[in-house]
Amino acid sequence: MADKNFSLKSILSSMRANKSFSKATESVTIRSASRDDCAEICDIYNFYIQSSVITFDEQPMDPSSWNEKLAQIQNLHLPFIVATAESGQLLGFAYLAPWRQKSAYRRTVENTIYLKPGFIGQGLGPRLLSELLRLGKDAGIKEVVAVISDSEADTSIQMHKKFGFKKVGQLPRVGNKFNRWLGVILMQKSL
């Protein structure tokens, strides 16, 4: 994408105006991710790398990177889930990953959720987050941290608030993407 300074809000407005915003999510299945999902996961994530500041990654990833991430998360017995349409199309993904590498943090995780752009605003994010929290609790997780960009992420902040996450901190100007200084908001929930 040539212009890196447009916002996710403008992308969503454009999709709605072009009638590409589908409401057919009633028959969505949420299941554990598999290696077969990694190419579609990669496509979704690369969209956000190239067009937004909600991830601080700057270089597109390849499916093999996602295969490795999936294996690491599964080896830690943490959830990595996907939402799929009845057709099998992957609509979004979510996972819990270690907050930090030191052993004392072993019951604290960071949550991640990404949706295919045409399916934002249809309740998939809350469905994925609800399932992540349930699975995290079952796995013995005690604390979940959300690290959210302080730009273009109002929807994510509001969703986390609805699930009982509280803002516990903010780190201004810790990343630079598309020649913009960006910060992160830290939110936390006890399970």
N, C-alpha and C. Protein backbone atom coordinates (compact mmCIF):
# COMPACT_ATOMS: atom_id res chain seq x y z
N MET A 1 0.83 -1.16 0.00
CA MET A 1 0.00 0.00 0.00
C MET A 1 0.88 1.23 0.00
N ALA A 2 0.62 2.12 -0.90
CA ALA A 2 1.49 3.27 -1.08
C ALA A 2 1.40 4.27 0.05
N ASP A 3 0.20 4.64 0.50
CA ASP A 3 0.03 5.64 1.54
C ASP A 3 -0.13 4.96 2.88
N LYS A 4 0.86 5.09 3.75
CA LYS A 4 0.85 4.42 5.04
C LYS A 4 0.21 5.26 6.13
N ASN A 5 -0.32 6.42 5.81
CA ASN A 5 -0.83 7.33 6.83
C ASN A 5 -2.35 7.31 6.97
N PHE A 6 -3.02 6.39 6.30
CA PHE A 6 -4.47 6.32 6.47
C PHE A 6 -4.78 5.49 7.71
N SER A 7 -5.98 5.67 8.25
CA SER A 7 -6.33 5.00 9.49
C SER A 7 -7.19 3.78 9.23
N LEU A 8 -7.24 2.91 10.22
CA LEU A 8 -8.10 1.74 10.14
C LEU A 8 -9.56 2.18 10.04
N LYS A 9 -9.93 3.30 10.67
CA LYS A 9 -11.31 3.80 10.56
C LYS A 9 -11.66 4.10 9.11
N SER A 10 -10.72 4.68 8.35
CA SER A 10 -11.01 4.99 6.94
C SER A 10 -11.13 3.72 6.12
N ILE A 11 -10.37 2.70 6.46
CA ILE A 11 -10.49 1.41 5.77
C ILE A 11 -11.88 0.82 6.01
N LEU A 12 -12.32 0.83 7.28
CA LEU A 12 -13.63 0.28 7.62
C LEU A 12 -14.75 1.07 6.95
N SER A 13 -14.65 2.40 6.94
CA SER A 13 -15.67 3.23 6.29
C SER A 13 -15.76 2.91 4.81
N SER A 14 -14.62 2.74 4.19
CA SER A 14 -14.59 2.40 2.77
C SER A 14 -15.23 1.05 2.50
N MET A 15 -14.94 0.06 3.36
CA MET A 15 -15.52 -1.27 3.17
C MET A 15 -17.04 -1.22 3.31
N ARG A 16 -17.53 -0.47 4.30
CA ARG A 16 -18.97 -0.36 4.50
C ARG A 16 -19.63 0.33 3.31
N ALA A 17 -19.00 1.38 2.81
CA ALA A 17 -19.56 2.11 1.67
C ALA A 17 -19.60 1.25 0.42
N ASN A 18 -18.65 0.33 0.31
CA ASN A 18 -18.60 -0.54 -0.86
C ASN A 18 -19.40 -1.82 -0.68
N LYS A 19 -20.16 -1.91 0.40
CA LYS A 19 -21.01 -3.07 0.69
C LYS A 19 -20.21 -4.36 0.83
N SER A 20 -18.90 -4.25 1.12
CA SER A 20 -18.11 -5.45 1.31
C SER A 20 -18.11 -5.89 2.77
N PHE A 21 -18.86 -5.17 3.58
CA PHE A 21 -18.94 -5.47 5.00
C PHE A 21 -20.05 -6.50 5.21
N SER A 22 -19.67 -7.75 5.40
CA SER A 22 -20.62 -8.86 5.47
C SER A 22 -21.18 -9.01 6.87
N LYS A 23 -22.45 -9.41 6.95
CA LYS A 23 -23.08 -9.70 8.25
C LYS A 23 -23.32 -11.19 8.44
N ALA A 24 -22.67 -12.01 7.65
CA ALA A 24 -22.92 -13.45 7.69
C ALA A 24 -21.99 -14.15 8.65
N THR A 25 -22.09 -13.84 9.94
CA THR A 25 -21.21 -14.48 10.91
C THR A 25 -21.96 -15.36 11.91
N GLU A 26 -23.22 -15.62 11.64
CA GLU A 26 -24.01 -16.42 12.58
C GLU A 26 -23.46 -17.83 12.74
N SER A 27 -22.92 -18.40 11.67
CA SER A 27 -22.45 -19.78 11.72
C SER A 27 -20.94 -19.86 11.84
N VAL A 28 -20.37 -19.01 12.65
CA VAL A 28 -18.92 -19.00 12.88
C VAL A 28 -18.58 -20.09 13.90
N THR A 29 -17.48 -20.79 13.62
CA THR A 29 -16.96 -21.80 14.53
C THR A 29 -15.65 -21.29 15.11
N ILE A 30 -15.49 -21.45 16.41
CA ILE A 30 -14.22 -21.14 17.06
C ILE A 30 -13.59 -22.46 17.46
N ARG A 31 -12.35 -22.65 17.01
CA ARG A 31 -11.65 -23.91 17.25
C ARG A 31 -10.16 -23.65 17.44
N SER A 32 -9.44 -24.66 17.87
CA SER A 32 -7.98 -24.55 17.98
C SER A 32 -7.36 -24.38 16.60
N ALA A 33 -6.35 -23.54 16.53
CA ALA A 33 -5.63 -23.32 15.27
C ALA A 33 -4.79 -24.55 14.95
N SER A 34 -4.54 -24.74 13.66
CA SER A 34 -3.67 -25.82 13.20
C SER A 34 -2.66 -25.24 12.21
N ARG A 35 -1.67 -26.04 11.87
CA ARG A 35 -0.67 -25.60 10.89
C ARG A 35 -1.33 -25.21 9.57
N ASP A 36 -2.43 -25.85 9.23
CA ASP A 36 -3.12 -25.54 7.98
C ASP A 36 -3.68 -24.12 7.96
N ASP A 37 -3.84 -23.51 9.13
CA ASP A 37 -4.38 -22.15 9.23
C ASP A 37 -3.32 -21.07 9.07
N CYS A 38 -2.06 -21.43 9.15
CA CYS A 38 -1.00 -20.42 9.27
C CYS A 38 -0.89 -19.50 8.06
N ALA A 39 -1.17 -19.97 6.86
CA ALA A 39 -1.10 -19.08 5.69
C ALA A 39 -2.17 -17.99 5.78
N GLU A 40 -3.40 -18.36 6.18
CA GLU A 40 -4.47 -17.36 6.31
C GLU A 40 -4.21 -16.44 7.50
N ILE A 41 -3.68 -16.97 8.59
CA ILE A 41 -3.31 -16.14 9.75
C ILE A 41 -2.28 -15.11 9.30
N CYS A 42 -1.31 -15.56 8.54
CA CYS A 42 -0.26 -14.68 8.03
C CYS A 42 -0.85 -13.57 7.15
N ASP A 43 -1.77 -13.93 6.28
CA ASP A 43 -2.40 -12.92 5.40
C ASP A 43 -3.13 -11.85 6.21
N ILE A 44 -3.88 -12.28 7.23
CA ILE A 44 -4.61 -11.32 8.08
C ILE A 44 -3.62 -10.40 8.78
N TYR A 45 -2.61 -10.98 9.40
CA TYR A 45 -1.65 -10.18 10.16
C TYR A 45 -0.87 -9.23 9.25
N ASN A 46 -0.47 -9.71 8.09
CA ASN A 46 0.29 -8.86 7.17
C ASN A 46 -0.52 -7.65 6.71
N PHE A 47 -1.83 -7.80 6.60
CA PHE A 47 -2.68 -6.65 6.28
C PHE A 47 -2.46 -5.54 7.31
N TYR A 48 -2.47 -5.90 8.59
CA TYR A 48 -2.31 -4.91 9.65
C TYR A 48 -0.88 -4.36 9.72
N ILE A 49 0.10 -5.19 9.41
CA ILE A 49 1.48 -4.70 9.36
C ILE A 49 1.59 -3.59 8.32
N GLN A 50 1.03 -3.83 7.16
CA GLN A 50 1.19 -2.93 6.02
C GLN A 50 0.26 -1.71 6.06
N SER A 51 -0.84 -1.78 6.82
CA SER A 51 -1.84 -0.71 6.70
C SER A 51 -2.24 -0.04 8.01
N SER A 52 -1.63 -0.40 9.12
CA SER A 52 -2.08 0.19 10.38
C SER A 52 -0.94 0.29 11.38
N VAL A 53 -1.26 0.93 12.49
CA VAL A 53 -0.30 1.03 13.59
C VAL A 53 -0.78 0.24 14.80
N ILE A 54 -1.72 -0.67 14.61
CA ILE A 54 -2.17 -1.47 15.74
C ILE A 54 -1.21 -2.62 16.04
N THR A 55 -0.30 -2.91 15.10
CA THR A 55 0.84 -3.75 15.40
C THR A 55 2.08 -2.92 15.13
N PHE A 56 3.11 -3.12 15.92
CA PHE A 56 4.35 -2.39 15.71
C PHE A 56 5.30 -3.16 14.81
N ASP A 57 4.91 -4.35 14.36
CA ASP A 57 5.71 -5.04 13.35
C ASP A 57 5.69 -4.20 12.08
N GLU A 58 6.82 -4.19 11.38
CA GLU A 58 6.91 -3.37 10.17
C GLU A 58 7.16 -4.18 8.90
N GLN A 59 7.72 -5.36 9.04
CA GLN A 59 8.02 -6.19 7.88
C GLN A 59 7.03 -7.35 7.79
N PRO A 60 6.49 -7.61 6.60
CA PRO A 60 5.57 -8.74 6.46
C PRO A 60 6.21 -10.05 6.93
N MET A 61 5.38 -10.90 7.47
CA MET A 61 5.83 -12.21 7.96
C MET A 61 5.49 -13.27 6.92
N ASP A 62 6.07 -14.44 7.09
CA ASP A 62 5.72 -15.55 6.21
C ASP A 62 5.07 -16.65 7.04
N PRO A 63 4.33 -17.55 6.38
CA PRO A 63 3.60 -18.59 7.13
C PRO A 63 4.49 -19.45 8.03
N SER A 64 5.76 -19.65 7.67
CA SER A 64 6.63 -20.47 8.51
C SER A 64 6.84 -19.83 9.89
N SER A 65 6.86 -18.49 9.94
CA SER A 65 6.97 -17.81 11.23
C SER A 65 5.76 -18.11 12.10
N TRP A 66 4.59 -18.18 11.47
CA TRP A 66 3.37 -18.49 12.21
C TRP A 66 3.33 -19.96 12.60
N ASN A 67 3.88 -20.84 11.79
CA ASN A 67 3.99 -22.25 12.19
C ASN A 67 4.81 -22.38 13.47
N GLU A 68 5.93 -21.64 13.53
CA GLU A 68 6.79 -21.67 14.72
C GLU A 68 6.06 -21.10 15.93
N LYS A 69 5.39 -19.96 15.75
CA LYS A 69 4.66 -19.34 16.87
C LYS A 69 3.57 -20.28 17.39
N LEU A 70 2.82 -20.88 16.47
CA LEU A 70 1.77 -21.83 16.86
C LEU A 70 2.36 -22.98 17.67
N ALA A 71 3.45 -23.55 17.20
CA ALA A 71 4.08 -24.67 17.91
C ALA A 71 4.55 -24.24 19.30
N GLN A 72 5.17 -23.07 19.41
CA GLN A 72 5.64 -22.58 20.71
C GLN A 72 4.48 -22.41 21.69
N ILE A 73 3.41 -21.81 21.22
CA ILE A 73 2.26 -21.57 22.10
C ILE A 73 1.61 -22.88 22.52
N GLN A 74 1.45 -23.79 21.57
CA GLN A 74 0.86 -25.09 21.89
C GLN A 74 1.76 -25.88 22.84
N ASN A 75 3.08 -25.79 22.68
CA ASN A 75 4.01 -26.49 23.58
C ASN A 75 3.91 -25.97 25.01
N LEU A 76 3.48 -24.72 25.16
CA LEU A 76 3.29 -24.14 26.50
C LEU A 76 1.88 -24.41 27.04
N HIS A 77 1.09 -25.15 26.28
CA HIS A 77 -0.29 -25.49 26.65
C HIS A 77 -1.16 -24.24 26.82
N LEU A 78 -0.90 -23.25 25.96
CA LEU A 78 -1.70 -22.04 25.92
C LEU A 78 -2.60 -22.08 24.69
N PRO A 79 -3.74 -21.39 24.72
CA PRO A 79 -4.66 -21.43 23.58
C PRO A 79 -4.21 -20.56 22.41
N PHE A 80 -4.40 -21.11 21.23
CA PHE A 80 -4.26 -20.37 19.96
C PHE A 80 -5.48 -20.82 19.16
N ILE A 81 -6.43 -19.90 18.97
CA ILE A 81 -7.71 -20.26 18.37
C ILE A 81 -7.99 -19.44 17.11
N VAL A 82 -8.90 -19.97 16.30
CA VAL A 82 -9.32 -19.27 15.09
C VAL A 82 -10.84 -19.27 15.03
N ALA A 83 -11.38 -18.27 14.33
CA ALA A 83 -12.80 -18.21 14.01
C ALA A 83 -12.92 -18.47 12.52
N THR A 84 -13.77 -19.43 12.16
CA THR A 84 -13.95 -19.77 10.75
C THR A 84 -15.42 -19.71 10.37
N ALA A 85 -15.66 -19.34 9.12
CA ALA A 85 -17.01 -19.33 8.57
C ALA A 85 -17.40 -20.74 8.20
N GLU A 86 -18.67 -20.93 7.93
CA GLU A 86 -19.17 -22.24 7.50
C GLU A 86 -18.42 -22.74 6.26
N SER A 87 -18.00 -21.82 5.41
CA SER A 87 -17.25 -22.17 4.19
C SER A 87 -15.84 -22.65 4.49
N GLY A 88 -15.38 -22.44 5.73
CA GLY A 88 -14.01 -22.79 6.09
C GLY A 88 -13.07 -21.60 6.08
N GLN A 89 -13.54 -20.46 5.57
CA GLN A 89 -12.73 -19.25 5.51
C GLN A 89 -12.36 -18.80 6.91
N LEU A 90 -11.10 -18.48 7.12
CA LEU A 90 -10.64 -18.01 8.41
C LEU A 90 -10.97 -16.53 8.55
N LEU A 91 -11.69 -16.18 9.61
CA LEU A 91 -12.17 -14.81 9.82
C LEU A 91 -11.35 -14.05 10.86
N GLY A 92 -10.63 -14.77 11.69
CA GLY A 92 -9.83 -14.12 12.72
C GLY A 92 -9.09 -15.15 13.54
N PHE A 93 -8.16 -14.65 14.36
CA PHE A 93 -7.40 -15.55 15.22
C PHE A 93 -7.08 -14.83 16.52
N ALA A 94 -6.76 -15.63 17.53
CA ALA A 94 -6.43 -15.08 18.85
C ALA A 94 -5.57 -16.09 19.58
N TYR A 95 -4.71 -15.58 20.45
CA TYR A 95 -3.89 -16.48 21.25
C TYR A 95 -3.42 -15.79 22.52
N LEU A 96 -2.98 -16.62 23.46
CA LEU A 96 -2.33 -16.15 24.68
C LEU A 96 -0.87 -16.56 24.59
N ALA A 97 0.02 -15.64 24.90
CA ALA A 97 1.45 -15.91 24.86
C ALA A 97 2.08 -15.42 26.16
N PRO A 98 3.24 -15.95 26.51
CA PRO A 98 3.88 -15.51 27.75
C PRO A 98 4.08 -14.00 27.77
N TRP A 99 3.82 -13.40 28.92
CA TRP A 99 4.01 -11.96 29.10
C TRP A 99 5.50 -11.64 29.09
N ARG A 100 6.28 -12.38 29.82
CA ARG A 100 7.74 -12.24 29.86
C ARG A 100 8.34 -13.64 30.01
N GLN A 101 9.63 -13.75 29.76
CA GLN A 101 10.28 -15.07 29.75
C GLN A 101 10.71 -15.57 31.13
N LYS A 102 10.86 -14.71 32.09
CA LYS A 102 11.29 -15.16 33.42
C LYS A 102 10.23 -16.05 34.06
N SER A 103 10.68 -17.08 34.77
CA SER A 103 9.77 -18.11 35.28
C SER A 103 8.70 -17.59 36.23
N ALA A 104 8.97 -16.54 36.97
CA ALA A 104 7.99 -16.01 37.92
C ALA A 104 6.75 -15.47 37.21
N TYR A 105 6.88 -15.17 35.92
CA TYR A 105 5.74 -14.67 35.14
C TYR A 105 4.90 -15.78 34.52
N ARG A 106 5.16 -17.03 34.86
CA ARG A 106 4.56 -18.17 34.13
C ARG A 106 3.03 -18.20 34.16
N ARG A 107 2.37 -17.52 35.07
CA ARG A 107 0.90 -17.51 35.13
C ARG A 107 0.31 -16.20 34.60
N THR A 108 1.16 -15.40 33.93
CA THR A 108 0.73 -14.14 33.33
C THR A 108 0.97 -14.22 31.83
N VAL A 109 -0.04 -13.81 31.06
CA VAL A 109 0.05 -13.90 29.60
C VAL A 109 -0.38 -12.58 28.97
N GLU A 110 -0.05 -12.44 27.71
CA GLU A 110 -0.53 -11.32 26.88
C GLU A 110 -1.49 -11.89 25.86
N ASN A 111 -2.61 -11.22 25.66
CA ASN A 111 -3.57 -11.69 24.66
C ASN A 111 -3.40 -10.94 23.35
N THR A 112 -3.70 -11.63 22.26
CA THR A 112 -3.61 -11.06 20.91
C THR A 112 -4.85 -11.49 20.14
N ILE A 113 -5.48 -10.55 19.44
CA ILE A 113 -6.65 -10.84 18.61
C ILE A 113 -6.55 -10.03 17.33
N TYR A 114 -6.73 -10.69 16.19
CA TYR A 114 -6.79 -10.02 14.89
C TYR A 114 -7.92 -10.61 14.08
N LEU A 115 -8.67 -9.73 13.41
CA LEU A 115 -9.79 -10.14 12.58
C LEU A 115 -9.55 -9.77 11.12
N LYS A 116 -10.08 -10.59 10.23
CA LYS A 116 -10.05 -10.24 8.81
C LYS A 116 -10.81 -8.92 8.67
N PRO A 117 -10.28 -7.95 7.95
CA PRO A 117 -10.88 -6.60 7.94
C PRO A 117 -12.37 -6.56 7.62
N GLY A 118 -12.87 -7.35 6.72
CA GLY A 118 -14.28 -7.32 6.37
C GLY A 118 -15.20 -7.86 7.45
N PHE A 119 -14.63 -8.34 8.55
CA PHE A 119 -15.45 -8.94 9.61
C PHE A 119 -15.30 -8.23 10.95
N ILE A 120 -14.72 -7.05 10.93
CA ILE A 120 -14.61 -6.24 12.13
C ILE A 120 -15.99 -5.64 12.44
N GLY A 121 -16.32 -5.57 13.72
CA GLY A 121 -17.57 -4.95 14.13
C GLY A 121 -18.77 -5.86 14.12
N GLN A 122 -18.54 -7.16 14.02
CA GLN A 122 -19.64 -8.12 13.97
C GLN A 122 -19.68 -9.05 15.17
N GLY A 123 -18.92 -8.73 16.20
CA GLY A 123 -18.95 -9.53 17.42
C GLY A 123 -17.95 -10.67 17.47
N LEU A 124 -17.08 -10.78 16.47
CA LEU A 124 -16.09 -11.86 16.48
C LEU A 124 -15.00 -11.63 17.52
N GLY A 125 -14.56 -10.38 17.67
CA GLY A 125 -13.53 -10.07 18.67
C GLY A 125 -13.97 -10.49 20.07
N PRO A 126 -15.15 -10.07 20.51
CA PRO A 126 -15.62 -10.50 21.83
C PRO A 126 -15.77 -12.02 21.95
N ARG A 127 -16.21 -12.67 20.89
CA ARG A 127 -16.34 -14.14 20.96
C ARG A 127 -14.97 -14.79 21.14
N LEU A 128 -13.98 -14.30 20.39
CA LEU A 128 -12.63 -14.85 20.53
C LEU A 128 -12.05 -14.54 21.90
N LEU A 129 -12.22 -13.31 22.39
CA LEU A 129 -11.69 -12.95 23.70
C LEU A 129 -12.35 -13.76 24.81
N SER A 130 -13.65 -13.94 24.73
CA SER A 130 -14.36 -14.74 25.73
C SER A 130 -13.80 -16.16 25.80
N GLU A 131 -13.59 -16.75 24.64
CA GLU A 131 -13.05 -18.12 24.60
C GLU A 131 -11.60 -18.15 25.10
N LEU A 132 -10.80 -17.15 24.73
CA LEU A 132 -9.41 -17.09 25.23
C LEU A 132 -9.37 -17.04 26.74
N LEU A 133 -10.22 -16.20 27.33
CA LEU A 133 -10.23 -16.07 28.79
C LEU A 133 -10.67 -17.37 29.45
N ARG A 134 -11.65 -18.03 28.87
CA ARG A 134 -12.10 -19.32 29.42
C ARG A 134 -10.98 -20.35 29.35
N LEU A 135 -10.35 -20.45 28.19
CA LEU A 135 -9.26 -21.42 28.01
C LEU A 135 -8.06 -21.07 28.86
N GLY A 136 -7.77 -19.78 29.00
CA GLY A 136 -6.66 -19.36 29.85
C GLY A 136 -6.89 -19.74 31.30
N LYS A 137 -8.10 -19.53 31.77
CA LYS A 137 -8.42 -19.91 33.15
C LYS A 137 -8.26 -21.42 33.34
N ASP A 138 -8.76 -22.19 32.36
CA ASP A 138 -8.62 -23.65 32.42
C ASP A 138 -7.16 -24.07 32.43
N ALA A 139 -6.28 -23.27 31.80
CA ALA A 139 -4.85 -23.59 31.74
C ALA A 139 -4.08 -23.10 32.97
N GLY A 140 -4.79 -22.50 33.93
CA GLY A 140 -4.14 -22.04 35.16
C GLY A 140 -3.57 -20.64 35.09
N ILE A 141 -3.95 -19.89 34.09
CA ILE A 141 -3.49 -18.51 33.96
C ILE A 141 -4.19 -17.66 35.02
N LYS A 142 -3.45 -16.75 35.63
CA LYS A 142 -4.01 -15.87 36.67
C LYS A 142 -4.19 -14.44 36.20
N GLU A 143 -3.29 -13.95 35.33
CA GLU A 143 -3.35 -12.56 34.88
C GLU A 143 -3.21 -12.49 33.37
N VAL A 144 -4.04 -11.64 32.74
CA VAL A 144 -3.98 -11.43 31.30
C VAL A 144 -3.71 -9.95 31.07
N VAL A 145 -2.71 -9.66 30.26
CA VAL A 145 -2.32 -8.29 29.93
C VAL A 145 -2.61 -8.04 28.46
N ALA A 146 -3.23 -6.91 28.19
CA ALA A 146 -3.45 -6.46 26.81
C ALA A 146 -2.53 -5.27 26.57
N VAL A 147 -1.74 -5.36 25.52
CA VAL A 147 -0.84 -4.27 25.14
C VAL A 147 -1.41 -3.70 23.84
N ILE A 148 -2.00 -2.51 23.93
CA ILE A 148 -2.80 -1.96 22.84
C ILE A 148 -2.20 -0.64 22.37
N SER A 149 -2.05 -0.50 21.07
CA SER A 149 -1.55 0.75 20.50
C SER A 149 -2.42 1.91 20.99
N ASP A 150 -1.78 3.05 21.27
CA ASP A 150 -2.56 4.20 21.72
C ASP A 150 -3.11 5.01 20.55
N SER A 151 -3.04 4.45 19.35
CA SER A 151 -3.56 5.11 18.15
C SER A 151 -4.38 4.11 17.35
N GLU A 152 -5.58 4.50 16.93
CA GLU A 152 -6.44 3.67 16.08
C GLU A 152 -6.95 2.40 16.78
N ALA A 153 -6.97 2.36 18.10
CA ALA A 153 -7.35 1.13 18.78
C ALA A 153 -8.49 1.30 19.78
N ASP A 154 -9.32 2.33 19.58
CA ASP A 154 -10.43 2.58 20.51
C ASP A 154 -11.35 1.38 20.64
N THR A 155 -11.62 0.70 19.53
CA THR A 155 -12.51 -0.47 19.57
C THR A 155 -11.94 -1.56 20.47
N SER A 156 -10.66 -1.80 20.36
CA SER A 156 -10.01 -2.82 21.19
C SER A 156 -10.04 -2.43 22.66
N ILE A 157 -9.78 -1.18 22.94
CA ILE A 157 -9.81 -0.71 24.33
C ILE A 157 -11.20 -0.89 24.92
N GLN A 158 -12.23 -0.50 24.19
CA GLN A 158 -13.61 -0.64 24.67
C GLN A 158 -13.99 -2.10 24.87
N MET A 159 -13.58 -2.97 23.94
CA MET A 159 -13.89 -4.40 24.08
C MET A 159 -13.24 -4.95 25.35
N HIS A 160 -11.99 -4.63 25.57
CA HIS A 160 -11.31 -5.14 26.76
C HIS A 160 -11.98 -4.62 28.04
N LYS A 161 -12.41 -3.36 28.05
CA LYS A 161 -13.12 -2.81 29.21
C LYS A 161 -14.38 -3.62 29.51
N LYS A 162 -15.11 -3.99 28.45
CA LYS A 162 -16.35 -4.75 28.64
C LYS A 162 -16.09 -6.12 29.27
N PHE A 163 -14.88 -6.63 29.12
CA PHE A 163 -14.52 -7.92 29.71
C PHE A 163 -13.83 -7.77 31.06
N GLY A 164 -13.84 -6.56 31.60
CA GLY A 164 -13.29 -6.34 32.94
C GLY A 164 -11.81 -5.99 32.98
N PHE A 165 -11.20 -5.73 31.85
CA PHE A 165 -9.81 -5.28 31.85
C PHE A 165 -9.77 -3.84 32.36
N LYS A 166 -8.76 -3.52 33.13
CA LYS A 166 -8.56 -2.17 33.66
C LYS A 166 -7.26 -1.62 33.11
N LYS A 167 -7.28 -0.34 32.80
CA LYS A 167 -6.05 0.32 32.36
C LYS A 167 -5.10 0.39 33.55
N VAL A 168 -3.88 -0.14 33.36
CA VAL A 168 -2.91 -0.15 34.44
C VAL A 168 -1.66 0.66 34.10
N GLY A 169 -1.60 1.15 32.88
CA GLY A 169 -0.43 1.96 32.52
C GLY A 169 -0.45 2.39 31.08
N GLN A 170 0.46 3.29 30.77
CA GLN A 170 0.61 3.76 29.40
C GLN A 170 2.08 4.08 29.19
N LEU A 171 2.60 3.67 28.04
CA LEU A 171 3.98 3.95 27.67
C LEU A 171 3.95 4.81 26.41
N PRO A 172 4.11 6.12 26.55
CA PRO A 172 4.05 6.98 25.36
C PRO A 172 5.32 6.88 24.53
N ARG A 173 5.15 7.04 23.22
CA ARG A 173 6.25 7.18 22.28
C ARG A 173 7.32 6.09 22.40
N VAL A 174 6.90 4.84 22.47
CA VAL A 174 7.86 3.73 22.57
C VAL A 174 8.11 3.05 21.23
N GLY A 175 7.33 3.39 20.21
CA GLY A 175 7.51 2.81 18.88
C GLY A 175 7.40 3.87 17.81
N ASN A 176 8.03 3.62 16.68
CA ASN A 176 7.94 4.56 15.56
C ASN A 176 7.63 3.75 14.31
N LYS A 177 6.46 4.01 13.74
CA LYS A 177 6.03 3.31 12.53
C LYS A 177 5.39 4.33 11.60
N PHE A 178 5.66 4.22 10.32
CA PHE A 178 5.16 5.16 9.31
C PHE A 178 5.53 6.60 9.69
N ASN A 179 6.72 6.77 10.26
CA ASN A 179 7.21 8.09 10.67
C ASN A 179 6.33 8.76 11.72
N ARG A 180 5.70 7.95 12.57
CA ARG A 180 4.86 8.45 13.66
C ARG A 180 5.33 7.82 14.96
N TRP A 181 5.47 8.63 16.00
CA TRP A 181 5.75 8.10 17.32
C TRP A 181 4.46 7.58 17.94
N LEU A 182 4.52 6.37 18.47
CA LEU A 182 3.34 5.69 19.00
C LEU A 182 3.62 5.14 20.39
N GLY A 183 2.57 5.07 21.17
CA GLY A 183 2.68 4.49 22.49
C GLY A 183 1.78 3.28 22.64
N VAL A 184 1.80 2.71 23.81
CA VAL A 184 0.91 1.58 24.11
C VAL A 184 0.19 1.82 25.42
N ILE A 185 -1.01 1.28 25.48
CA ILE A 185 -1.82 1.28 26.69
C ILE A 185 -1.79 -0.14 27.24
N LEU A 186 -1.55 -0.26 28.53
CA LEU A 186 -1.52 -1.56 29.17
C LEU A 186 -2.82 -1.74 29.94
N MET A 187 -3.51 -2.85 29.68
CA MET A 187 -4.73 -3.20 30.40
C MET A 187 -4.53 -4.58 31.00
N GLN A 188 -5.18 -4.87 32.11
CA GLN A 188 -4.97 -6.13 32.81
C GLN A 188 -6.28 -6.65 33.38
N LYS A 189 -6.39 -7.98 33.39
CA LYS A 189 -7.55 -8.65 33.98
C LYS A 189 -7.06 -9.85 34.78
N SER A 190 -7.60 -10.01 35.98
CA SER A 190 -7.32 -11.19 36.80
C SER A 190 -8.37 -12.24 36.48
N LEU A 191 -7.95 -13.48 36.32
CA LEU A 191 -8.90 -14.56 36.03
C LEU A 191 -9.28 -15.28 37.32
